[in-house]
Amino acid sequence: MSAIGVFDSGVGGLTVFKELIKQLPREDVVYFGDTARVPYGTKSRETIIRFSLENILFLLQKDVKIIVVACNTSSSLALPTLRRHFKKPIIGVISPGAKEAVYATRNNRIGVIATSATINSAAYAQEIKKLKPSAEIFSQACPLFVPLAEEGWVKEKVAVEIAEKYLASLKKVKVDTLILGCTHYPLLKPVIKKVMGEGVRLIDSAQQVAQEVKQVLADEGLLSSDRKHQAEYTFFVSDEPGNFQRLAKRFLGFSLNKVKRVKDV
């Protein structure tokens, strides 16, 4: 039975995986975390595209029927190239998040926080403008949010201090909607909410991505129809599995018993 393929530069994409298994409980999922080459957010466009192509080639060996690019950096820089090279449906995380933000905003002021590469690509701004030309978009790179999430320091005082520093400019311009443009950032939701205030809607694209995957599979006649099927989840990484398993528990709330290391992507 064909699976849903998911790749990310590391563990952040597990926030998307978690939503996929919640909305599509009968679907098998193959997850690949490119932990040997993380982070993607500081690398060049050419390198990110090359890594993304290699990741998809790996997933295609596992008989996947659809691929989710659960990495904002890859989605913002590599998606058009990936879709040109492969026939399988490929879903990124930018478009679903942008759609939800446009739907949610009341004052037309949308904030975007992400890695430097995603912000510099202006992918969210372009997608939002396509959907709502009148929208005002305010962007802020938040590179320290990733290590805070991975170290589990999301409840520490330092997390609030860093968030206040990063988010000050977005508070000043009174955005009412804020896109969490990196799959690590949902772990910092309570901190971001505290700093931005109750009136600001936080957009975590994982939910919208899962909905889009469900719709595409339904449209293509690829949804699993076996009600008795026990979904299988397989995890691969490009570096030692130990650290990935430790972080995965933080992201998912449960332990992963088996994570396989891939020598060559």
C-alpha atoms as a PDB file:
ATOM      1  CA  MET A   1       0.000   0.000   0.000  1.00  0.00           C
ATOM      2  CA  SER A   2       1.449   3.370  -1.047  1.00  0.00           C
ATOM      3  CA  ALA A   3       2.312   5.846   1.686  1.00  0.00           C
ATOM      4  CA  ILE A   4       2.391   9.596   2.179  1.00  0.00           C
ATOM      5  CA  GLY A   5       6.026  10.749   1.934  1.00  0.00           C
ATOM      6  CA  VAL A   6       7.192  13.614   4.157  1.00  0.00           C
ATOM      7  CA  PHE A   7      10.596  15.267   4.311  1.00  0.00           C
ATOM      8  CA  ASP A   8      12.134  18.012   6.397  1.00  0.00           C
ATOM      9  CA  SER A   9      15.646  19.198   7.147  1.00  0.00           C
ATOM     10  CA  GLY A  10      15.282  17.665  10.609  1.00  0.00           C
ATOM     11  CA  VAL A  11      12.637  17.212  13.287  1.00  0.00           C
ATOM     12  CA  GLY A  12      10.485  20.321  12.677  1.00  0.00           C
ATOM     13  CA  GLY A  13       8.397  18.528  10.059  1.00  0.00           C
ATOM     14  CA  LEU A  14       7.083  16.252  12.807  1.00  0.00           C
ATOM     15  CA  THR A  15       4.549  19.002  13.600  1.00  0.00           C
ATOM     16  CA  VAL A  16       3.166  18.347  10.086  1.00  0.00           C
ATOM     17  CA  PHE A  17       3.441  14.557  10.535  1.00  0.00           C
ATOM     18  CA  LYS A  18       1.445  14.807  13.780  1.00  0.00           C
ATOM     19  CA  GLU A  19      -1.389  16.613  11.997  1.00  0.00           C
ATOM     20  CA  LEU A  20      -1.322  14.189   9.040  1.00  0.00           C
ATOM     21  CA  ILE A  21      -1.801  11.117  11.237  1.00  0.00           C
ATOM     22  CA  LYS A  22      -4.568  12.915  13.136  1.00  0.00           C
ATOM     23  CA  GLN A  23      -6.531  13.804   9.988  1.00  0.00           C
ATOM     24  CA  LEU A  24      -5.613  10.711   7.932  1.00  0.00           C
ATOM     25  CA  PRO A  25      -5.447   7.863  10.486  1.00  0.00           C
ATOM     26  CA  ARG A  26      -5.589   5.061   7.885  1.00  0.00           C
ATOM     27  CA  GLU A  27      -2.668   6.321   5.780  1.00  0.00           C
ATOM     28  CA  ASP A  28       0.865   4.934   6.005  1.00  0.00           C
ATOM     29  CA  VAL A  29       3.523   7.653   6.318  1.00  0.00           C
ATOM     30  CA  VAL A  30       7.240   7.578   5.470  1.00  0.00           C
ATOM     31  CA  TYR A  31       9.154  10.428   7.107  1.00  0.00           C
ATOM     32  CA  PHE A  32      12.677  11.478   6.186  1.00  0.00           C
ATOM     33  CA  GLY A  33      14.629  13.961   8.311  1.00  0.00           C
ATOM     34  CA  ASP A  34      17.834  15.220   6.697  1.00  0.00           C
ATOM     35  CA  THR A  35      19.522  15.582  10.075  1.00  0.00           C
ATOM     36  CA  ALA A  36      23.081  15.344   8.692  1.00  0.00           C
ATOM     37  CA  ARG A  37      22.603  18.554   6.690  1.00  0.00           C
ATOM     38  CA  VAL A  38      20.362  20.572   9.000  1.00  0.00           C
ATOM     39  CA  PRO A  39      19.806  23.561   9.133  1.00  0.00           C
ATOM     40  CA  TYR A  40      18.590  24.496   5.650  1.00  0.00           C
ATOM     41  CA  GLY A  41      17.676  28.053   6.655  1.00  0.00           C
ATOM     42  CA  THR A  42      21.242  29.363   6.396  1.00  0.00           C
ATOM     43  CA  LYS A  43      22.182  27.671   3.114  1.00  0.00           C
ATOM     44  CA  SER A  44      22.148  28.938  -0.493  1.00  0.00           C
ATOM     45  CA  ARG A  45      19.166  28.515  -2.827  1.00  0.00           C
ATOM     46  CA  GLU A  46      21.149  26.121  -5.076  1.00  0.00           C
ATOM     47  CA  THR A  47      22.107  23.906  -2.129  1.00  0.00           C
ATOM     48  CA  ILE A  48      18.548  23.805  -0.773  1.00  0.00           C
ATOM     49  CA  ILE A  49      17.190  22.812  -4.206  1.00  0.00           C
ATOM     50  CA  ARG A  50      19.829  20.057  -4.561  1.00  0.00           C
ATOM     51  CA  PHE A  51      19.099  18.655  -1.085  1.00  0.00           C
ATOM     52  CA  SER A  52      15.337  18.762  -1.749  1.00  0.00           C
ATOM     53  CA  LEU A  53      15.691  16.872  -5.054  1.00  0.00           C
ATOM     54  CA  GLU A  54      17.810  14.208  -3.331  1.00  0.00           C
ATOM     55  CA  ASN A  55      15.260  13.880  -0.512  1.00  0.00           C
ATOM     56  CA  ILE A  56      12.413  13.297  -2.972  1.00  0.00           C
ATOM     57  CA  LEU A  57      14.440  10.715  -4.905  1.00  0.00           C
ATOM     58  CA  PHE A  58      14.937   8.861  -1.624  1.00  0.00           C
ATOM     59  CA  LEU A  59      11.210   8.949  -0.778  1.00  0.00           C
ATOM     60  CA  LEU A  60      10.255   7.730  -4.257  1.00  0.00           C
ATOM     61  CA  GLN A  61      12.216   4.526  -3.539  1.00  0.00           C
ATOM     62  CA  LYS A  62       9.714   3.909  -0.711  1.00  0.00           C
ATOM     63  CA  ASP A  63       6.663   3.788  -3.003  1.00  0.00           C
ATOM     64  CA  VAL A  64       5.030   7.053  -1.900  1.00  0.00           C
ATOM     65  CA  LYS A  65       1.911   8.386  -3.646  1.00  0.00           C
ATOM     66  CA  ILE A  66       2.215  12.029  -2.572  1.00  0.00           C
ATOM     67  CA  ILE A  67       5.063  14.076  -1.094  1.00  0.00           C
ATOM     68  CA  VAL A  68       4.813  16.737   1.595  1.00  0.00           C
ATOM     69  CA  VAL A  69       7.688  19.215   1.746  1.00  0.00           C
ATOM     70  CA  ALA A  70       7.363  19.836   5.494  1.00  0.00           C
ATOM     71  CA  CYS A  71      10.126  22.421   5.466  1.00  0.00           C
ATOM     72  CA  ASN A  72       9.380  26.108   4.954  1.00  0.00           C
ATOM     73  CA  THR A  73      12.838  26.792   3.527  1.00  0.00           C
ATOM     74  CA  SER A  74      12.541  24.043   0.897  1.00  0.00           C
ATOM     75  CA  SER A  75       8.939  25.032   0.150  1.00  0.00           C
ATOM     76  CA  SER A  76       9.908  28.672  -0.370  1.00  0.00           C
ATOM     77  CA  LEU A  77      12.954  28.032  -2.575  1.00  0.00           C
ATOM     78  CA  ALA A  78      12.661  24.611  -4.214  1.00  0.00           C
ATOM     79  CA  LEU A  79       8.976  23.851  -4.836  1.00  0.00           C
ATOM     80  CA  PRO A  80       8.691  25.060  -8.479  1.00  0.00           C
ATOM     81  CA  THR A  81      11.822  23.043  -9.412  1.00  0.00           C
ATOM     82  CA  LEU A  82      10.547  19.938  -7.599  1.00  0.00           C
ATOM     83  CA  ARG A  83       7.191  20.094  -9.375  1.00  0.00           C
ATOM     84  CA  ARG A  84       8.929  20.388 -12.745  1.00  0.00           C
ATOM     85  CA  HIS A  85      11.036  17.284 -12.076  1.00  0.00           C
ATOM     86  CA  PHE A  86       8.462  14.901 -10.600  1.00  0.00           C
ATOM     87  CA  LYS A  87       4.969  13.741 -11.588  1.00  0.00           C
ATOM     88  CA  LYS A  88       3.791  12.818  -8.099  1.00  0.00           C
ATOM     89  CA  PRO A  89       1.663  15.437  -6.296  1.00  0.00           C
ATOM     90  CA  ILE A  90       3.926  17.641  -4.132  1.00  0.00           C
ATOM     91  CA  ILE A  91       2.479  19.774  -1.333  1.00  0.00           C
ATOM     92  CA  GLY A  92       4.472  22.584   0.278  1.00  0.00           C
ATOM     93  CA  VAL A  93       3.753  24.443   3.513  1.00  0.00           C
ATOM     94  CA  ILE A  94       3.759  28.045   2.200  1.00  0.00           C
ATOM     95  CA  SER A  95       0.503  28.168   0.225  1.00  0.00           C
ATOM     96  CA  PRO A  96      -1.731  26.533   2.890  1.00  0.00           C
ATOM     97  CA  GLY A  97      -0.393  28.915   5.584  1.00  0.00           C
ATOM     98  CA  ALA A  98      -0.838  31.967   3.350  1.00  0.00           C
ATOM     99  CA  LYS A  99      -4.441  30.969   2.523  1.00  0.00           C
ATOM    100  CA  GLU A 100      -5.330  30.589   6.188  1.00  0.00           C
ATOM    101  CA  ALA A 101      -3.721  33.935   7.093  1.00  0.00           C
ATOM    102  CA  VAL A 102      -5.641  35.768   4.372  1.00  0.00           C
ATOM    103  CA  TYR A 103      -8.855  34.162   5.612  1.00  0.00           C
ATOM    104  CA  ALA A 104      -8.100  35.024   9.262  1.00  0.00           C
ATOM    105  CA  THR A 105      -6.934  38.653   9.081  1.00  0.00           C
ATOM    106  CA  ARG A 106      -9.369  41.411   9.976  1.00  0.00           C
ATOM    107  CA  ASN A 107      -7.149  44.512   9.653  1.00  0.00           C
ATOM    108  CA  ASN A 108      -5.190  43.316   6.574  1.00  0.00           C
ATOM    109  CA  ARG A 109      -1.886  43.379   8.480  1.00  0.00           C
ATOM    110  CA  ILE A 110      -0.193  39.999   8.369  1.00  0.00           C
ATOM    111  CA  GLY A 111       3.093  39.160  10.088  1.00  0.00           C
ATOM    112  CA  VAL A 112       5.451  36.387   9.001  1.00  0.00           C
ATOM    113  CA  ILE A 113       8.172  34.893  11.200  1.00  0.00           C
ATOM    114  CA  ALA A 114      10.556  32.317   9.728  1.00  0.00           C
ATOM    115  CA  THR A 115      14.203  31.422   9.066  1.00  0.00           C
ATOM    116  CA  SER A 116      16.391  33.955   7.250  1.00  0.00           C
ATOM    117  CA  ALA A 117      16.242  31.946   3.983  1.00  0.00           C
ATOM    118  CA  THR A 118      12.434  31.812   4.009  1.00  0.00           C
ATOM    119  CA  ILE A 119      12.135  35.529   4.820  1.00  0.00           C
ATOM    120  CA  ASN A 120      14.689  36.489   2.147  1.00  0.00           C
ATOM    121  CA  SER A 121      12.817  34.417  -0.448  1.00  0.00           C
ATOM    122  CA  ALA A 122       9.673  36.566   0.123  1.00  0.00           C
ATOM    123  CA  ALA A 123       7.659  33.399  -0.663  1.00  0.00           C
ATOM    124  CA  TYR A 124       4.964  34.095   1.935  1.00  0.00           C
ATOM    125  CA  ALA A 125       4.626  37.740   0.869  1.00  0.00           C
ATOM    126  CA  GLN A 126       4.248  36.729  -2.794  1.00  0.00           C
ATOM    127  CA  GLU A 127       1.664  34.061  -1.988  1.00  0.00           C
ATOM    128  CA  ILE A 128      -0.350  36.403   0.252  1.00  0.00           C
ATOM    129  CA  LYS A 129      -0.282  39.188  -2.363  1.00  0.00           C
ATOM    130  CA  LYS A 130      -1.573  36.759  -5.008  1.00  0.00           C
ATOM    131  CA  LEU A 131      -4.542  35.960  -2.778  1.00  0.00           C
ATOM    132  CA  LYS A 132      -5.079  39.447  -1.349  1.00  0.00           C
ATOM    133  CA  PRO A 133      -3.256  42.301  -3.138  1.00  0.00           C
ATOM    134  CA  SER A 134      -4.356  44.832  -0.511  1.00  0.00           C
ATOM    135  CA  ALA A 135      -2.699  42.942   2.368  1.00  0.00           C
ATOM    136  CA  GLU A 136       0.224  44.534   4.212  1.00  0.00           C
ATOM    137  CA  ILE A 137       2.931  42.021   5.073  1.00  0.00           C
ATOM    138  CA  PHE A 138       5.547  42.469   7.799  1.00  0.00           C
ATOM    139  CA  SER A 139       8.347  39.895   8.040  1.00  0.00           C
ATOM    140  CA  GLN A 140      10.852  39.014  10.732  1.00  0.00           C
ATOM    141  CA  ALA A 141      13.569  36.345  10.743  1.00  0.00           C
ATOM    142  CA  CYS A 142      13.751  34.518  14.103  1.00  0.00           C
ATOM    143  CA  PRO A 143      16.779  32.185  13.804  1.00  0.00           C
ATOM    144  CA  LEU A 144      17.136  31.532  17.546  1.00  0.00           C
ATOM    145  CA  PHE A 145      13.640  30.029  17.802  1.00  0.00           C
ATOM    146  CA  VAL A 146      14.853  26.740  16.264  1.00  0.00           C
ATOM    147  CA  PRO A 147      17.554  25.988  18.881  1.00  0.00           C
ATOM    148  CA  LEU A 148      15.159  27.089  21.655  1.00  0.00           C
ATOM    149  CA  ALA A 149      12.596  24.542  20.422  1.00  0.00           C
ATOM    150  CA  GLU A 150      15.180  21.788  20.032  1.00  0.00           C
ATOM    151  CA  GLU A 151      16.747  22.390  23.437  1.00  0.00           C
ATOM    152  CA  GLY A 152      13.321  22.351  25.069  1.00  0.00           C
ATOM    153  CA  TRP A 153      13.814  25.860  26.459  1.00  0.00           C
ATOM    154  CA  VAL A 154      10.361  27.021  25.371  1.00  0.00           C
ATOM    155  CA  LYS A 155       9.251  27.733  28.958  1.00  0.00           C
ATOM    156  CA  GLU A 156      12.471  29.441  30.045  1.00  0.00           C
ATOM    157  CA  LYS A 157      12.769  33.159  30.710  1.00  0.00           C
ATOM    158  CA  VAL A 158      15.309  33.434  27.854  1.00  0.00           C
ATOM    159  CA  ALA A 159      12.615  32.291  25.368  1.00  0.00           C
ATOM    160  CA  VAL A 160      10.333  35.174  26.394  1.00  0.00           C
ATOM    161  CA  GLU A 161      13.209  37.679  26.209  1.00  0.00           C
ATOM    162  CA  ILE A 162      14.217  36.539  22.699  1.00  0.00           C
ATOM    163  CA  ALA A 163      10.590  36.509  21.538  1.00  0.00           C
ATOM    164  CA  GLU A 164      10.052  40.058  22.842  1.00  0.00           C
ATOM    165  CA  LYS A 165      13.123  41.231  20.926  1.00  0.00           C
ATOM    166  CA  TYR A 166      12.115  39.535  17.645  1.00  0.00           C
ATOM    167  CA  LEU A 167       8.420  40.388  17.802  1.00  0.00           C
ATOM    168  CA  ALA A 168       8.643  44.029  18.918  1.00  0.00           C
ATOM    169  CA  SER A 169       8.507  45.398  15.340  1.00  0.00           C
ATOM    170  CA  LEU A 170       5.438  43.258  14.511  1.00  0.00           C
ATOM    171  CA  LYS A 171       3.637  44.425  17.653  1.00  0.00           C
ATOM    172  CA  LYS A 172       4.461  48.031  16.755  1.00  0.00           C
ATOM    173  CA  VAL A 173       2.742  47.800  13.355  1.00  0.00           C
ATOM    174  CA  LYS A 174      -0.248  46.027  14.962  1.00  0.00           C
ATOM    175  CA  VAL A 175      -0.437  42.832  12.897  1.00  0.00           C
ATOM    176  CA  ASP A 176      -3.553  40.839  13.836  1.00  0.00           C
ATOM    177  CA  THR A 177      -2.415  37.602  12.189  1.00  0.00           C
ATOM    178  CA  LEU A 178       1.006  35.972  12.493  1.00  0.00           C
ATOM    179  CA  ILE A 179       2.234  33.095  10.319  1.00  0.00           C
ATOM    180  CA  LEU A 180       4.570  30.677  12.108  1.00  0.00           C
ATOM    181  CA  GLY A 181       6.693  30.166   9.001  1.00  0.00           C
ATOM    182  CA  CYS A 182       8.925  27.406  10.350  1.00  0.00           C
ATOM    183  CA  THR A 183       7.799  23.964  11.467  1.00  0.00           C
ATOM    184  CA  HIS A 184       9.702  24.332  14.771  1.00  0.00           C
ATOM    185  CA  TYR A 185       7.784  27.442  15.806  1.00  0.00           C
ATOM    186  CA  PRO A 186       4.533  25.727  16.942  1.00  0.00           C
ATOM    187  CA  LEU A 187       6.498  24.499  19.972  1.00  0.00           C
ATOM    188  CA  LEU A 188       6.894  28.164  20.933  1.00  0.00           C
ATOM    189  CA  LYS A 189       3.200  29.005  20.506  1.00  0.00           C
ATOM    190  CA  PRO A 190       2.557  29.765  24.216  1.00  0.00           C
ATOM    191  CA  VAL A 191       5.544  32.166  24.329  1.00  0.00           C
ATOM    192  CA  ILE A 192       4.641  33.860  21.032  1.00  0.00           C
ATOM    193  CA  LYS A 193       0.995  34.163  22.162  1.00  0.00           C
ATOM    194  CA  LYS A 194       2.071  35.696  25.463  1.00  0.00           C
ATOM    195  CA  VAL A 195       4.267  38.297  23.726  1.00  0.00           C
ATOM    196  CA  MET A 196       1.868  39.143  20.878  1.00  0.00           C
ATOM    197  CA  GLY A 197      -1.302  39.161  22.994  1.00  0.00           C
ATOM    198  CA  GLU A 198      -4.646  37.399  22.748  1.00  0.00           C
ATOM    199  CA  GLY A 199      -5.877  39.530  19.840  1.00  0.00           C
ATOM    200  CA  VAL A 200      -3.320  38.114  17.391  1.00  0.00           C
ATOM    201  CA  ARG A 201      -4.223  34.918  15.518  1.00  0.00           C
ATOM    202  CA  LEU A 202      -1.295  32.495  15.142  1.00  0.00           C
ATOM    203  CA  ILE A 203      -1.247  30.524  11.886  1.00  0.00           C
ATOM    204  CA  ASP A 204       0.398  27.094  12.087  1.00  0.00           C
ATOM    205  CA  SER A 205       0.203  25.702   8.556  1.00  0.00           C
ATOM    206  CA  ALA A 206       0.360  22.014   9.619  1.00  0.00           C
ATOM    207  CA  GLN A 207      -3.422  21.764   9.916  1.00  0.00           C
ATOM    208  CA  GLN A 208      -3.984  23.344   6.494  1.00  0.00           C
ATOM    209  CA  VAL A 209      -1.267  21.163   4.919  1.00  0.00           C
ATOM    210  CA  ALA A 210      -2.985  17.997   6.190  1.00  0.00           C
ATOM    211  CA  GLN A 211      -6.333  19.223   4.825  1.00  0.00           C
ATOM    212  CA  GLU A 212      -4.753  19.897   1.431  1.00  0.00           C
ATOM    213  CA  VAL A 213      -3.123  16.432   1.350  1.00  0.00           C
ATOM    214  CA  LYS A 214      -6.497  14.863   2.169  1.00  0.00           C
ATOM    215  CA  GLN A 215      -8.178  16.832  -0.627  1.00  0.00           C
ATOM    216  CA  VAL A 216      -5.523  15.979  -3.244  1.00  0.00           C
ATOM    217  CA  LEU A 217      -5.624  12.277  -2.341  1.00  0.00           C
ATOM    218  CA  ALA A 218      -9.434  12.312  -2.576  1.00  0.00           C
ATOM    219  CA  ASP A 219      -9.359  14.120  -5.935  1.00  0.00           C
ATOM    220  CA  GLU A 220      -6.806  11.643  -7.318  1.00  0.00           C
ATOM    221  CA  GLY A 221      -8.670   8.617  -5.948  1.00  0.00           C
ATOM    222  CA  LEU A 222      -5.678   7.744  -3.760  1.00  0.00           C
ATOM    223  CA  LEU A 223      -7.218   7.796  -0.268  1.00  0.00           C
ATOM    224  CA  SER A 224      -6.890   4.573   1.691  1.00  0.00           C
ATOM    225  CA  SER A 225     -10.278   2.850   1.660  1.00  0.00           C
ATOM    226  CA  ASP A 226      -9.366  -0.086   3.906  1.00  0.00           C
ATOM    227  CA  ARG A 227     -11.113   0.637   7.213  1.00  0.00           C
ATOM    228  CA  LYS A 228      -9.302  -2.261   8.910  1.00  0.00           C
ATOM    229  CA  HIS A 229      -5.840  -1.108   7.840  1.00  0.00           C
ATOM    230  CA  GLN A 230      -3.488  -0.390  10.733  1.00  0.00           C
ATOM    231  CA  ALA A 231      -1.417   2.594   9.592  1.00  0.00           C
ATOM    232  CA  GLU A 232       2.360   2.134   9.580  1.00  0.00           C
ATOM    233  CA  TYR A 233       4.818   4.954  10.211  1.00  0.00           C
ATOM    234  CA  THR A 234       8.429   4.651   9.098  1.00  0.00           C
ATOM    235  CA  PHE A 235      11.163   7.108  10.021  1.00  0.00           C
ATOM    236  CA  PHE A 236      14.515   7.648   8.299  1.00  0.00           C
ATOM    237  CA  VAL A 237      17.278  10.138   9.115  1.00  0.00           C
ATOM    238  CA  SER A 238      20.611  10.948   7.471  1.00  0.00           C
ATOM    239  CA  ASP A 239      22.569  11.089  10.758  1.00  0.00           C
ATOM    240  CA  GLU A 240      22.587   9.252  14.090  1.00  0.00           C
ATOM    241  CA  PRO A 241      18.977   8.468  15.115  1.00  0.00           C
ATOM    242  CA  GLY A 242      19.462   9.045  18.868  1.00  0.00           C
ATOM    243  CA  ASN A 243      19.117  12.827  18.897  1.00  0.00           C
ATOM    244  CA  PHE A 244      16.179  12.690  16.459  1.00  0.00           C
ATOM    245  CA  GLN A 245      14.357  10.221  18.729  1.00  0.00           C
ATOM    246  CA  ARG A 246      14.975  12.404  21.787  1.00  0.00           C
ATOM    247  CA  LEU A 247      13.626  15.509  20.024  1.00  0.00           C
ATOM    248  CA  ALA A 248      10.757  13.584  18.408  1.00  0.00           C
ATOM    249  CA  LYS A 249       9.303  12.811  21.825  1.00  0.00           C
ATOM    250  CA  ARG A 250       9.214  16.543  22.536  1.00  0.00           C
ATOM    251  CA  PHE A 251       7.472  17.271  19.232  1.00  0.00           C
ATOM    252  CA  LEU A 252       5.026  14.341  19.215  1.00  0.00           C
ATOM    253  CA  GLY A 253       4.410  13.579  22.867  1.00  0.00           C
ATOM    254  CA  PHE A 254       5.306   9.905  22.340  1.00  0.00           C
ATOM    255  CA  SER A 255       8.473   7.889  21.690  1.00  0.00           C
ATOM    256  CA  LEU A 256       9.604   6.489  18.343  1.00  0.00           C
ATOM    257  CA  ASN A 257      10.900   2.962  18.772  1.00  0.00           C
ATOM    258  CA  LYS A 258      12.533   2.555  15.395  1.00  0.00           C
ATOM    259  CA  VAL A 259      14.339   5.209  13.368  1.00  0.00           C
ATOM    260  CA  LYS A 260      16.626   4.035  10.571  1.00  0.00           C
ATOM    261  CA  ARG A 261      19.758   5.822   9.468  1.00  0.00           C
ATOM    262  CA  VAL A 262      20.333   6.214   5.726  1.00  0.00           C
ATOM    263  CA  LYS A 263      23.980   6.314   4.699  1.00  0.00           C
ATOM    264  CA  ASP A 264      23.540   8.041   1.329  1.00  0.00           C
ATOM    265  CA  VAL A 265      20.570  10.224   0.427  1.00  0.00           C
END
